Amino acid sequence: GVRSDRTYNLWLGLALALLSAFLIGGSVILKKKALLRLARGGHTRDVFGVSMTSSCSLSAVAAGETCNFAAYMFAPATLVTPLGALSVLISAVLSSYLLGEALNVVGKLGCLLSVLGSTLLVIHAPQEQEVTSLRDMTDKLLEPGFLVFMSLVLLLCAVLILYFCPRYGPSNILVYVGVCSLLGAFTVSSVKGLAIAISTGELSRDVSVLSNPLTWILLVTLVVSIVNYLNKSLDTFNTLLVYPIYYVLFTSVVLSTSIILFQEWSSMSAVDVVATLGAFLVIVVGVAMLHLFRDLQVGAPPEVVHLKTSGRNTHTHTHTHTHTVDNGLSEDHLDVQSP
């Protein structure tokens, strides 16, 4: 009946989203292993081992993204996209066990918060889909509210790419990451549309959409531009900062698109809406704790800093001299004494 058509197969979608997170999280470990092997063996030795590990890493990413795509067929975007954070958690836990990387108390708390937020998200996710066919999808895409939203996103993307990227890209982390996140609005819309077409069998009846070269040109351009700007940000800035910021911005854009386009939240109660937003914020805090405080030494004894001062003619000033530390940065030398 209508009810069965409109109700999500939530558990299947959830299983696919979790499998995707596990595969993508595992691919990070394989990539790290390849880099470590390369660093140990130099560029000439063990090339086969490195290339095999890299190939496995790429295969895991491809499989993970395929599962993620399939998850959109059975579960709402409101649920699938935020669960992507679990790949960060899985890679942190696996690297702690397999690569011997230390995971401090703050990191473990971050993991716990991410799991808690994800659980809340699953409990309160929308159960009914508002878009069940390509005709519904077309109607939604042509609604004035969505057209205005997409026009604003495109305009903002153009301003960021043409004006801000050349000037502030290398110095401001938000520029490149912002472009990737805004383009995410289009990827999720197209993925969801394609998922609906496949799941309803409309694609086999009418392949005119796929035979149009413009469809493929747009899709390829979109994916390439997202990967390009994400790589630029990863090359320029610390990975520990890029991923949490990208996750927050990308997921926020996708949730906004989901609310405006699919109106998945129209069937939800006020309690579920508030709980979903709260769950998303809990995951954000968890991811930030896991990433930003990974290298923080918790429980180290506090250090007392004594400044040498000398007074002459009632003027007191601090004697400091500069030296260069290991990372090439210059800092003021102070006498440090542990209690």
C-alpha atoms as a PDB file:
ATOM      1  CA  GLY A   1       0.000   0.000   0.000  1.00  0.00           C
ATOM      2  CA  VAL A   2       0.863   3.686   0.190  1.00  0.00           C
ATOM      3  CA  ARG A   3       2.179   3.261   3.695  1.00  0.00           C
ATOM      4  CA  SER A   4       4.775   0.629   2.738  1.00  0.00           C
ATOM      5  CA  ASP A   5       5.918   2.749  -0.246  1.00  0.00           C
ATOM      6  CA  ARG A   6       6.416   5.843   1.860  1.00  0.00           C
ATOM      7  CA  THR A   7       8.094   4.201   4.868  1.00  0.00           C
ATOM      8  CA  TYR A   8      11.867   4.014   4.779  1.00  0.00           C
ATOM      9  CA  ASN A   9      13.598   0.656   5.027  1.00  0.00           C
ATOM     10  CA  LEU A  10      15.548   2.319   7.815  1.00  0.00           C
ATOM     11  CA  TRP A  11      17.554  -0.624   9.124  1.00  0.00           C
ATOM     12  CA  LEU A  12      18.910  -1.543   5.697  1.00  0.00           C
ATOM     13  CA  GLY A  13      19.874   2.095   5.068  1.00  0.00           C
ATOM     14  CA  LEU A  14      21.473   2.284   8.514  1.00  0.00           C
ATOM     15  CA  ALA A  15      23.458  -0.934   7.939  1.00  0.00           C
ATOM     16  CA  LEU A  16      24.761   0.408   4.604  1.00  0.00           C
ATOM     17  CA  ALA A  17      25.703   3.771   6.168  1.00  0.00           C
ATOM     18  CA  LEU A  18      27.593   2.007   8.992  1.00  0.00           C
ATOM     19  CA  LEU A  19      29.350  -0.332   6.531  1.00  0.00           C
ATOM     20  CA  SER A  20      30.336   2.727   4.482  1.00  0.00           C
ATOM     21  CA  ALA A  21      31.786   4.452   7.575  1.00  0.00           C
ATOM     22  CA  PHE A  22      33.735   1.299   8.477  1.00  0.00           C
ATOM     23  CA  LEU A  23      35.192   0.914   4.957  1.00  0.00           C
ATOM     24  CA  ILE A  24      36.155   4.591   4.643  1.00  0.00           C
ATOM     25  CA  GLY A  25      37.625   4.607   8.173  1.00  0.00           C
ATOM     26  CA  GLY A  26      39.597   1.454   7.336  1.00  0.00           C
ATOM     27  CA  SER A  27      40.880   3.011   4.101  1.00  0.00           C
ATOM     28  CA  VAL A  28      42.525   5.792   6.139  1.00  0.00           C
ATOM     29  CA  ILE A  29      44.490   3.142   8.084  1.00  0.00           C
ATOM     30  CA  LEU A  30      45.589   1.420   4.861  1.00  0.00           C
ATOM     31  CA  LYS A  31      46.701   4.776   3.446  1.00  0.00           C
ATOM     32  CA  LYS A  32      48.690   5.503   6.624  1.00  0.00           C
ATOM     33  CA  LYS A  33      50.272   2.034   6.441  1.00  0.00           C
ATOM     34  CA  ALA A  34      51.346   2.676   2.831  1.00  0.00           C
ATOM     35  CA  LEU A  35      52.882   6.038   3.795  1.00  0.00           C
ATOM     36  CA  LEU A  36      54.699   4.508   6.792  1.00  0.00           C
ATOM     37  CA  ARG A  37      56.025   1.692   4.603  1.00  0.00           C
ATOM     38  CA  LEU A  38      57.198   4.235   2.030  1.00  0.00           C
ATOM     39  CA  ALA A  39      58.901   6.315   4.727  1.00  0.00           C
ATOM     40  CA  ARG A  40      60.680   3.235   6.112  1.00  0.00           C
ATOM     41  CA  GLY A  41      61.697   1.632   2.821  1.00  0.00           C
ATOM     42  CA  GLY A  42      62.470   4.744   0.801  1.00  0.00           C
ATOM     43  CA  HIS A  43      61.105   5.278  -2.696  1.00  0.00           C
ATOM     44  CA  THR A  44      62.788   2.254  -4.348  1.00  0.00           C
ATOM     45  CA  ARG A  45      62.343  -0.719  -2.028  1.00  0.00           C
ATOM     46  CA  ASP A  46      59.031  -2.437  -1.308  1.00  0.00           C
ATOM     47  CA  VAL A  47      57.236  -0.609  -4.120  1.00  0.00           C
ATOM     48  CA  PHE A  48      54.946  -3.615  -4.663  1.00  0.00           C
ATOM     49  CA  GLY A  49      53.873  -3.688  -1.000  1.00  0.00           C
ATOM     50  CA  VAL A  50      53.194   0.044  -0.965  1.00  0.00           C
ATOM     51  CA  SER A  51      51.215  -0.034  -4.227  1.00  0.00           C
ATOM     52  CA  MET A  52      49.175  -3.032  -3.002  1.00  0.00           C
ATOM     53  CA  THR A  53      48.316  -1.263   0.263  1.00  0.00           C
ATOM     54  CA  SER A  54      47.424   1.920  -1.664  1.00  0.00           C
ATOM     55  CA  SER A  55      45.234  -0.098  -4.063  1.00  0.00           C
ATOM     56  CA  CYS A  56      43.434  -1.723  -1.110  1.00  0.00           C
ATOM     57  CA  SER A  57      42.916   1.737   0.402  1.00  0.00           C
ATOM     58  CA  LEU A  58      41.385   3.059  -2.848  1.00  0.00           C
ATOM     59  CA  SER A  59      39.203  -0.062  -3.174  1.00  0.00           C
ATOM     60  CA  ALA A  60      37.956   0.413   0.400  1.00  0.00           C
ATOM     61  CA  VAL A  61      37.085   4.067  -0.347  1.00  0.00           C
ATOM     62  CA  ALA A  62      35.252   3.072  -3.559  1.00  0.00           C
ATOM     63  CA  ALA A  63      33.308   0.323  -1.743  1.00  0.00           C
ATOM     64  CA  GLY A  64      32.535   2.710   1.128  1.00  0.00           C
ATOM     65  CA  GLU A  65      31.218   5.417  -1.201  1.00  0.00           C
ATOM     66  CA  THR A  66      29.106   2.829  -3.066  1.00  0.00           C
ATOM     67  CA  CYS A  67      27.540   1.698   0.231  1.00  0.00           C
ATOM     68  CA  ASN A  68      26.980   5.336   1.166  1.00  0.00           C
ATOM     69  CA  PHE A  69      25.220   5.934  -2.173  1.00  0.00           C
ATOM     70  CA  ALA A  70      23.046   2.844  -1.674  1.00  0.00           C
ATOM     71  CA  ALA A  71      22.154   4.010   1.858  1.00  0.00           C
ATOM     72  CA  TYR A  72      20.370   7.052   0.363  1.00  0.00           C
ATOM     73  CA  MET A  73      17.909   4.662  -1.342  1.00  0.00           C
ATOM     74  CA  PHE A  74      16.694   3.270   1.957  1.00  0.00           C
ATOM     75  CA  ALA A  75      17.250   6.022   4.544  1.00  0.00           C
ATOM     76  CA  PRO A  76      16.763   9.806   4.744  1.00  0.00           C
ATOM     77  CA  ALA A  77      19.660  12.175   3.977  1.00  0.00           C
ATOM     78  CA  THR A  78      19.117  13.582   7.491  1.00  0.00           C
ATOM     79  CA  LEU A  79      20.331  10.229   8.855  1.00  0.00           C
ATOM     80  CA  VAL A  80      22.928   9.083   6.284  1.00  0.00           C
ATOM     81  CA  THR A  81      25.044  12.250   6.017  1.00  0.00           C
ATOM     82  CA  PRO A  82      25.768  12.886   9.735  1.00  0.00           C
ATOM     83  CA  LEU A  83      26.673   9.191  10.205  1.00  0.00           C
ATOM     84  CA  GLY A  84      29.686   9.870   7.973  1.00  0.00           C
ATOM     85  CA  ALA A  85      31.351  11.127  11.167  1.00  0.00           C
ATOM     86  CA  LEU A  86      31.667   7.528  12.331  1.00  0.00           C
ATOM     87  CA  SER A  87      34.419   6.959   9.741  1.00  0.00           C
ATOM     88  CA  VAL A  88      36.551   9.469  11.699  1.00  0.00           C
ATOM     89  CA  LEU A  89      35.839   7.557  14.914  1.00  0.00           C
ATOM     90  CA  ILE A  90      36.592   4.161  13.313  1.00  0.00           C
ATOM     91  CA  SER A  91      39.897   5.387  11.830  1.00  0.00           C
ATOM     92  CA  ALA A  92      40.929   6.802  15.240  1.00  0.00           C
ATOM     93  CA  VAL A  93      40.106   3.559  17.079  1.00  0.00           C
ATOM     94  CA  LEU A  94      41.736   1.333  14.424  1.00  0.00           C
ATOM     95  CA  SER A  95      44.898   3.467  14.297  1.00  0.00           C
ATOM     96  CA  SER A  96      45.077   3.204  18.096  1.00  0.00           C
ATOM     97  CA  TYR A  97      45.005  -0.625  17.926  1.00  0.00           C
ATOM     98  CA  LEU A  98      46.711  -1.377  14.588  1.00  0.00           C
ATOM     99  CA  LEU A  99      49.254   1.439  14.259  1.00  0.00           C
ATOM    100  CA  GLY A 100      49.953   1.944  17.953  1.00  0.00           C
ATOM    101  CA  GLU A 101      48.872   5.606  17.892  1.00  0.00           C
ATOM    102  CA  ALA A 102      47.949   6.893  21.328  1.00  0.00           C
ATOM    103  CA  LEU A 103      44.312   7.857  21.911  1.00  0.00           C
ATOM    104  CA  ASN A 104      44.060  10.047  25.010  1.00  0.00           C
ATOM    105  CA  VAL A 105      41.126  10.469  27.410  1.00  0.00           C
ATOM    106  CA  VAL A 106      39.721  13.459  25.477  1.00  0.00           C
ATOM    107  CA  GLY A 107      39.836  11.409  22.254  1.00  0.00           C
ATOM    108  CA  LYS A 108      38.022   8.505  23.925  1.00  0.00           C
ATOM    109  CA  LEU A 109      35.351  10.886  25.242  1.00  0.00           C
ATOM    110  CA  GLY A 110      35.038  12.285  21.702  1.00  0.00           C
ATOM    111  CA  CYS A 111      34.437   8.732  20.406  1.00  0.00           C
ATOM    112  CA  LEU A 112      31.801   8.151  23.073  1.00  0.00           C
ATOM    113  CA  LEU A 113      30.006  11.419  22.206  1.00  0.00           C
ATOM    114  CA  SER A 114      30.036  10.557  18.481  1.00  0.00           C
ATOM    115  CA  VAL A 115      28.452   7.158  19.184  1.00  0.00           C
ATOM    116  CA  LEU A 116      25.894   8.745  21.531  1.00  0.00           C
ATOM    117  CA  GLY A 117      24.975  11.425  18.966  1.00  0.00           C
ATOM    118  CA  SER A 118      24.676   8.820  16.198  1.00  0.00           C
ATOM    119  CA  THR A 119      22.392   6.671  18.371  1.00  0.00           C
ATOM    120  CA  LEU A 120      20.123   9.659  19.098  1.00  0.00           C
ATOM    121  CA  LEU A 121      20.074  10.478  15.394  1.00  0.00           C
ATOM    122  CA  VAL A 122      18.939   6.952  14.475  1.00  0.00           C
ATOM    123  CA  ILE A 123      16.180   6.975  17.113  1.00  0.00           C
ATOM    124  CA  HIS A 124      14.745  10.325  15.976  1.00  0.00           C
ATOM    125  CA  ALA A 125      15.324  10.083  12.191  1.00  0.00           C
ATOM    126  CA  PRO A 126      12.283  10.707   9.920  1.00  0.00           C
ATOM    127  CA  GLN A 127      10.445   7.459   9.176  1.00  0.00           C
ATOM    128  CA  GLU A 128       8.567   8.540   6.041  1.00  0.00           C
ATOM    129  CA  GLN A 129       9.934   9.805   2.745  1.00  0.00           C
ATOM    130  CA  GLU A 130       8.152  12.705   1.078  1.00  0.00           C
ATOM    131  CA  VAL A 131       9.699  12.007  -2.354  1.00  0.00           C
ATOM    132  CA  THR A 132       8.952   8.544  -3.771  1.00  0.00           C
ATOM    133  CA  SER A 133       9.219   9.013  -7.561  1.00  0.00           C
ATOM    134  CA  LEU A 134      11.113  11.066 -10.135  1.00  0.00           C
ATOM    135  CA  ARG A 135       7.923  13.048 -10.820  1.00  0.00           C
ATOM    136  CA  ASP A 136       7.832  14.032  -7.128  1.00  0.00           C
ATOM    137  CA  MET A 137      11.530  14.877  -7.345  1.00  0.00           C
ATOM    138  CA  THR A 138      11.009  17.087 -10.420  1.00  0.00           C
ATOM    139  CA  ASP A 139       8.158  18.938  -8.685  1.00  0.00           C
ATOM    140  CA  LYS A 140      10.316  19.522  -5.601  1.00  0.00           C
ATOM    141  CA  LEU A 141      13.295  20.718  -7.678  1.00  0.00           C
ATOM    142  CA  LEU A 142      11.118  23.324  -9.416  1.00  0.00           C
ATOM    143  CA  GLU A 143       9.633  24.750  -6.217  1.00  0.00           C
ATOM    144  CA  PRO A 144      10.494  28.479  -5.834  1.00  0.00           C
ATOM    145  CA  GLY A 145      11.982  28.024  -2.346  1.00  0.00           C
ATOM    146  CA  PHE A 146      14.476  25.413  -3.539  1.00  0.00           C
ATOM    147  CA  LEU A 147      15.357  27.383  -6.706  1.00  0.00           C
ATOM    148  CA  VAL A 148      16.138  30.470  -4.597  1.00  0.00           C
ATOM    149  CA  PHE A 149      18.227  28.358  -2.178  1.00  0.00           C
ATOM    150  CA  MET A 150      20.241  26.756  -5.006  1.00  0.00           C
ATOM    151  CA  SER A 151      20.748  30.129  -6.734  1.00  0.00           C
ATOM    152  CA  LEU A 152      22.176  31.542  -3.493  1.00  0.00           C
ATOM    153  CA  VAL A 153      24.446  28.490  -3.066  1.00  0.00           C
ATOM    154  CA  LEU A 154      25.712  28.838  -6.669  1.00  0.00           C
ATOM    155  CA  LEU A 155      26.275  32.577  -6.236  1.00  0.00           C
ATOM    156  CA  LEU A 156      28.182  32.033  -2.990  1.00  0.00           C
ATOM    157  CA  CYS A 157      30.281  29.291  -4.661  1.00  0.00           C
ATOM    158  CA  ALA A 158      31.117  31.609  -7.574  1.00  0.00           C
ATOM    159  CA  VAL A 159      32.130  34.439  -5.217  1.00  0.00           C
ATOM    160  CA  LEU A 160      34.321  32.070  -3.160  1.00  0.00           C
ATOM    161  CA  ILE A 161      35.994  30.525  -6.243  1.00  0.00           C
ATOM    162  CA  LEU A 162      36.516  33.714  -8.273  1.00  0.00           C
ATOM    163  CA  TYR A 163      37.235  36.273  -5.543  1.00  0.00           C
ATOM    164  CA  PHE A 164      38.192  34.649  -2.235  1.00  0.00           C
ATOM    165  CA  CYS A 165      40.174  31.564  -3.409  1.00  0.00           C
ATOM    166  CA  PRO A 166      42.957  33.492  -5.216  1.00  0.00           C
ATOM    167  CA  ARG A 167      43.257  36.083  -2.422  1.00  0.00           C
ATOM    168  CA  TYR A 168      42.535  34.283   0.841  1.00  0.00           C
ATOM    169  CA  GLY A 169      42.592  30.554  -0.083  1.00  0.00           C
ATOM    170  CA  PRO A 170      46.127  29.807   1.164  1.00  0.00           C
ATOM    171  CA  SER A 171      45.663  31.770   4.412  1.00  0.00           C
ATOM    172  CA  ASN A 172      42.048  31.073   5.440  1.00  0.00           C
ATOM    173  CA  ILE A 173      40.939  27.490   6.057  1.00  0.00           C
ATOM    174  CA  LEU A 174      37.240  28.281   5.513  1.00  0.00           C
ATOM    175  CA  VAL A 175      37.602  29.258   1.819  1.00  0.00           C
ATOM    176  CA  TYR A 176      38.471  25.888   0.210  1.00  0.00           C
ATOM    177  CA  VAL A 177      36.452  23.895   2.746  1.00  0.00           C
ATOM    178  CA  GLY A 178      33.488  26.249   2.182  1.00  0.00           C
ATOM    179  CA  VAL A 179      33.526  25.560  -1.577  1.00  0.00           C
ATOM    180  CA  CYS A 180      33.538  21.754  -0.988  1.00  0.00           C
ATOM    181  CA  SER A 181      30.714  22.017   1.522  1.00  0.00           C
ATOM    182  CA  LEU A 182      28.491  24.209  -0.670  1.00  0.00           C
ATOM    183  CA  LEU A 183      28.976  21.887  -3.652  1.00  0.00           C
ATOM    184  CA  GLY A 184      27.790  19.086  -1.359  1.00  0.00           C
ATOM    185  CA  ALA A 185      24.248  20.478  -1.701  1.00  0.00           C
ATOM    186  CA  PHE A 186      24.286  19.447  -5.369  1.00  0.00           C
ATOM    187  CA  THR A 187      25.925  16.043  -4.861  1.00  0.00           C
ATOM    188  CA  VAL A 188      23.409  14.891  -2.280  1.00  0.00           C
ATOM    189  CA  SER A 189      20.458  16.124  -4.386  1.00  0.00           C
ATOM    190  CA  SER A 190      21.743  14.270  -7.458  1.00  0.00           C
ATOM    191  CA  VAL A 191      22.627  11.117  -5.493  1.00  0.00           C
ATOM    192  CA  LYS A 192      19.187  11.044  -3.863  1.00  0.00           C
ATOM    193  CA  GLY A 193      17.485  11.581  -7.255  1.00  0.00           C
ATOM    194  CA  LEU A 194      19.478   8.762  -8.849  1.00  0.00           C
ATOM    195  CA  ALA A 195      18.786   6.510  -5.852  1.00  0.00           C
ATOM    196  CA  ILE A 196      15.034   7.146  -6.194  1.00  0.00           C
ATOM    197  CA  ALA A 197      15.205   6.419  -9.946  1.00  0.00           C
ATOM    198  CA  ILE A 198      16.976   3.088  -9.336  1.00  0.00           C
ATOM    199  CA  SER A 199      14.851   2.003  -6.357  1.00  0.00           C
ATOM    200  CA  THR A 200      11.534   2.717  -8.131  1.00  0.00           C
ATOM    201  CA  GLY A 201      12.684   1.059 -11.365  1.00  0.00           C
ATOM    202  CA  GLU A 202      12.036   4.255 -13.346  1.00  0.00           C
ATOM    203  CA  LEU A 203      15.597   4.216 -14.639  1.00  0.00           C
ATOM    204  CA  SER A 204      15.072   0.947 -16.518  1.00  0.00           C
ATOM    205  CA  ARG A 205      11.846   2.276 -18.085  1.00  0.00           C
ATOM    206  CA  ASP A 206      13.227   5.690 -19.057  1.00  0.00           C
ATOM    207  CA  VAL A 207      16.991   5.988 -19.583  1.00  0.00           C
ATOM    208  CA  SER A 208      16.755   9.311 -21.469  1.00  0.00           C
ATOM    209  CA  VAL A 209      18.171  11.068 -18.397  1.00  0.00           C
ATOM    210  CA  LEU A 210      21.313   8.921 -18.434  1.00  0.00           C
ATOM    211  CA  SER A 211      21.731   9.088 -22.221  1.00  0.00           C
ATOM    212  CA  ASN A 212      21.962  12.885 -21.998  1.00  0.00           C
ATOM    213  CA  PRO A 213      25.701  13.756 -21.886  1.00  0.00           C
ATOM    214  CA  LEU A 214      24.995  16.901 -19.847  1.00  0.00           C
ATOM    215  CA  THR A 215      23.985  14.726 -16.867  1.00  0.00           C
ATOM    216  CA  TRP A 216      27.397  13.031 -16.830  1.00  0.00           C
ATOM    217  CA  ILE A 217      29.341  16.259 -17.507  1.00  0.00           C
ATOM    218  CA  LEU A 218      27.655  17.953 -14.535  1.00  0.00           C
ATOM    219  CA  LEU A 219      28.187  14.953 -12.250  1.00  0.00           C
ATOM    220  CA  VAL A 220      31.886  14.538 -13.151  1.00  0.00           C
ATOM    221  CA  THR A 221      32.549  18.305 -12.856  1.00  0.00           C
ATOM    222  CA  LEU A 222      30.913  18.309  -9.447  1.00  0.00           C
ATOM    223  CA  VAL A 223      32.915  15.365  -8.069  1.00  0.00           C
ATOM    224  CA  VAL A 224      36.218  16.634  -9.515  1.00  0.00           C
ATOM    225  CA  SER A 225      35.706  20.145  -8.114  1.00  0.00           C
ATOM    226  CA  ILE A 226      34.843  18.812  -4.633  1.00  0.00           C
ATOM    227  CA  VAL A 227      37.914  16.539  -4.566  1.00  0.00           C
ATOM    228  CA  ASN A 228      40.104  19.338  -5.984  1.00  0.00           C
ATOM    229  CA  TYR A 229      39.187  21.908  -3.328  1.00  0.00           C
ATOM    230  CA  LEU A 230      39.281  19.356  -0.498  1.00  0.00           C
ATOM    231  CA  ASN A 231      42.796  18.296  -1.579  1.00  0.00           C
ATOM    232  CA  LYS A 232      43.853  21.954  -1.772  1.00  0.00           C
ATOM    233  CA  SER A 233      42.693  22.525   1.796  1.00  0.00           C
ATOM    234  CA  LEU A 234      44.400  19.311   2.997  1.00  0.00           C
ATOM    235  CA  ASP A 235      47.658  20.337   1.292  1.00  0.00           C
ATOM    236  CA  THR A 236      47.545  23.843   2.755  1.00  0.00           C
ATOM    237  CA  PHE A 237      46.237  23.270   6.273  1.00  0.00           C
ATOM    238  CA  ASN A 238      46.560  20.798   9.133  1.00  0.00           C
ATOM    239  CA  THR A 239      44.429  17.683   8.511  1.00  0.00           C
ATOM    240  CA  LEU A 240      43.335  17.761  12.165  1.00  0.00           C
ATOM    241  CA  LEU A 241      41.571  21.067  11.469  1.00  0.00           C
ATOM    242  CA  VAL A 242      40.294  20.425   7.930  1.00  0.00           C
ATOM    243  CA  TYR A 243      38.216  17.296   8.598  1.00  0.00           C
ATOM    244  CA  PRO A 244      36.114  18.512  11.568  1.00  0.00           C
ATOM    245  CA  ILE A 245      35.435  21.877   9.870  1.00  0.00           C
ATOM    246  CA  TYR A 246      34.577  20.141   6.578  1.00  0.00           C
ATOM    247  CA  TYR A 247      32.289  17.690   8.385  1.00  0.00           C
ATOM    248  CA  VAL A 248      30.392  20.463  10.190  1.00  0.00           C
ATOM    249  CA  LEU A 249      29.984  22.709   7.113  1.00  0.00           C
ATOM    250  CA  PHE A 250      29.203  19.880   4.669  1.00  0.00           C
ATOM    251  CA  THR A 251      26.638  18.253   6.974  1.00  0.00           C
ATOM    252  CA  SER A 252      25.007  21.630   7.743  1.00  0.00           C
ATOM    253  CA  VAL A 253      24.622  22.357   4.004  1.00  0.00           C
ATOM    254  CA  VAL A 254      23.233  18.866   3.338  1.00  0.00           C
ATOM    255  CA  LEU A 255      20.752  19.099   6.227  1.00  0.00           C
ATOM    256  CA  SER A 256      19.589  22.511   4.924  1.00  0.00           C
ATOM    257  CA  THR A 257      19.164  21.074   1.411  1.00  0.00           C
ATOM    258  CA  SER A 258      17.317  18.073   2.821  1.00  0.00           C
ATOM    259  CA  ILE A 259      14.916  20.289   4.781  1.00  0.00           C
ATOM    260  CA  ILE A 260      14.171  22.560   1.794  1.00  0.00           C
ATOM    261  CA  LEU A 261      14.134  19.981  -1.042  1.00  0.00           C
ATOM    262  CA  PHE A 262      12.872  16.701   0.402  1.00  0.00           C
ATOM    263  CA  GLN A 263      10.930  18.242   3.311  1.00  0.00           C
ATOM    264  CA  GLU A 264      11.731  15.098   5.285  1.00  0.00           C
ATOM    265  CA  TRP A 265      11.121  17.008   8.489  1.00  0.00           C
ATOM    266  CA  SER A 266       7.469  17.771   7.713  1.00  0.00           C
ATOM    267  CA  SER A 267       6.402  14.354   9.058  1.00  0.00           C
ATOM    268  CA  MET A 268       8.503  14.719  12.227  1.00  0.00           C
ATOM    269  CA  SER A 269       7.283  15.939  15.611  1.00  0.00           C
ATOM    270  CA  ALA A 270       8.880  19.001  17.231  1.00  0.00           C
ATOM    271  CA  VAL A 271      10.616  16.719  19.765  1.00  0.00           C
ATOM    272  CA  ASP A 272      12.212  14.662  16.966  1.00  0.00           C
ATOM    273  CA  VAL A 273      13.401  17.797  15.129  1.00  0.00           C
ATOM    274  CA  VAL A 274      15.032  19.230  18.277  1.00  0.00           C
ATOM    275  CA  ALA A 275      16.532  15.819  19.164  1.00  0.00           C
ATOM    276  CA  THR A 276      17.970  15.430  15.627  1.00  0.00           C
ATOM    277  CA  LEU A 277      19.618  18.869  15.761  1.00  0.00           C
ATOM    278  CA  GLY A 278      20.897  18.120  19.282  1.00  0.00           C
ATOM    279  CA  ALA A 279      22.300  14.764  18.121  1.00  0.00           C
ATOM    280  CA  PHE A 280      24.100  16.496  15.236  1.00  0.00           C
ATOM    281  CA  LEU A 281      25.676  19.010  17.650  1.00  0.00           C
ATOM    282  CA  VAL A 282      26.759  16.175  19.982  1.00  0.00           C
ATOM    283  CA  ILE A 283      28.496  14.458  17.024  1.00  0.00           C
ATOM    284  CA  VAL A 284      30.153  17.780  16.067  1.00  0.00           C
ATOM    285  CA  VAL A 285      31.558  18.179  19.597  1.00  0.00           C
ATOM    286  CA  GLY A 286      32.713  14.536  19.585  1.00  0.00           C
ATOM    287  CA  VAL A 287      34.496  14.884  16.227  1.00  0.00           C
ATOM    288  CA  ALA A 288      36.125  18.160  17.313  1.00  0.00           C
ATOM    289  CA  MET A 289      37.368  16.587  20.576  1.00  0.00           C
ATOM    290  CA  LEU A 290      38.682  13.545  18.716  1.00  0.00           C
ATOM    291  CA  HIS A 291      40.553  15.600  16.132  1.00  0.00           C
ATOM    292  CA  LEU A 292      41.690  18.807  17.787  1.00  0.00           C
ATOM    293  CA  PHE A 293      42.885  17.340  21.103  1.00  0.00           C
ATOM    294  CA  ARG A 294      44.414  14.123  19.746  1.00  0.00           C
ATOM    295  CA  ASP A 295      47.970  15.142  20.702  1.00  0.00           C
ATOM    296  CA  LEU A 296      47.056  16.793  24.008  1.00  0.00           C
ATOM    297  CA  GLN A 297      48.897  15.287  26.982  1.00  0.00           C
ATOM    298  CA  VAL A 298      46.227  14.909  29.661  1.00  0.00           C
ATOM    299  CA  GLY A 299      47.466  14.688  33.238  1.00  0.00           C
ATOM    300  CA  ALA A 300      50.907  16.267  32.645  1.00  0.00           C
ATOM    301  CA  PRO A 301      52.167  18.239  35.685  1.00  0.00           C
ATOM    302  CA  PRO A 302      51.558  21.975  35.395  1.00  0.00           C
ATOM    303  CA  GLU A 303      54.625  24.108  34.775  1.00  0.00           C
ATOM    304  CA  VAL A 304      55.376  27.253  36.714  1.00  0.00           C
ATOM    305  CA  VAL A 305      56.829  30.044  34.606  1.00  0.00           C
ATOM    306  CA  HIS A 306      59.101  32.596  36.279  1.00  0.00           C
ATOM    307  CA  LEU A 307      59.863  35.749  34.358  1.00  0.00           C
ATOM    308  CA  LYS A 308      63.210  37.394  35.087  1.00  0.00           C
ATOM    309  CA  THR A 309      62.655  41.066  35.756  1.00  0.00           C
ATOM    310  CA  SER A 310      65.036  43.857  36.678  1.00  0.00           C
ATOM    311  CA  GLY A 311      64.118  47.321  37.846  1.00  0.00           C
ATOM    312  CA  ARG A 312      66.005  50.523  37.098  1.00  0.00           C
ATOM    313  CA  ASN A 313      64.666  54.080  37.673  1.00  0.00           C
ATOM    314  CA  THR A 314      61.247  52.634  38.632  1.00  0.00           C
ATOM    315  CA  HIS A 315      60.929  50.989  35.144  1.00  0.00           C
ATOM    316  CA  THR A 316      60.410  47.221  35.368  1.00  0.00           C
ATOM    317  CA  HIS A 317      60.884  45.230  32.203  1.00  0.00           C
ATOM    318  CA  THR A 318      61.179  41.569  31.250  1.00  0.00           C
ATOM    319  CA  HIS A 319      64.386  40.151  29.783  1.00  0.00           C
ATOM    320  CA  THR A 320      63.491  37.662  27.079  1.00  0.00           C
ATOM    321  CA  HIS A 321      65.559  36.445  24.209  1.00  0.00           C
ATOM    322  CA  THR A 322      64.467  34.567  21.146  1.00  0.00           C
ATOM    323  CA  HIS A 323      65.615  31.184  19.980  1.00  0.00           C
ATOM    324  CA  THR A 324      64.425  28.831  17.263  1.00  0.00           C
ATOM    325  CA  VAL A 325      62.719  25.616  18.284  1.00  0.00           C
ATOM    326  CA  ASP A 326      62.584  22.324  16.379  1.00  0.00           C
ATOM    327  CA  ASN A 327      59.622  23.186  14.189  1.00  0.00           C
ATOM    328  CA  GLY A 328      61.294  26.328  12.873  1.00  0.00           C
ATOM    329  CA  LEU A 329      59.040  28.717  14.775  1.00  0.00           C
ATOM    330  CA  SER A 330      60.537  31.406  16.941  1.00  0.00           C
ATOM    331  CA  GLU A 331      59.371  31.778  20.531  1.00  0.00           C
ATOM    332  CA  ASP A 332      60.263  33.816  23.602  1.00  0.00           C
ATOM    333  CA  HIS A 333      62.580  31.920  25.926  1.00  0.00           C
ATOM    334  CA  LEU A 334      61.334  31.847  29.502  1.00  0.00           C
ATOM    335  CA  ASP A 335      62.771  30.096  32.534  1.00  0.00           C
ATOM    336  CA  VAL A 336      60.490  27.107  33.108  1.00  0.00           C
ATOM    337  CA  GLN A 337      60.569  25.276  36.379  1.00  0.00           C
ATOM    338  CA  SER A 338      58.452  22.284  37.318  1.00  0.00           C
ATOM    339  CA  PRO A 339      57.254  22.246  40.924  1.00  0.00           C
END
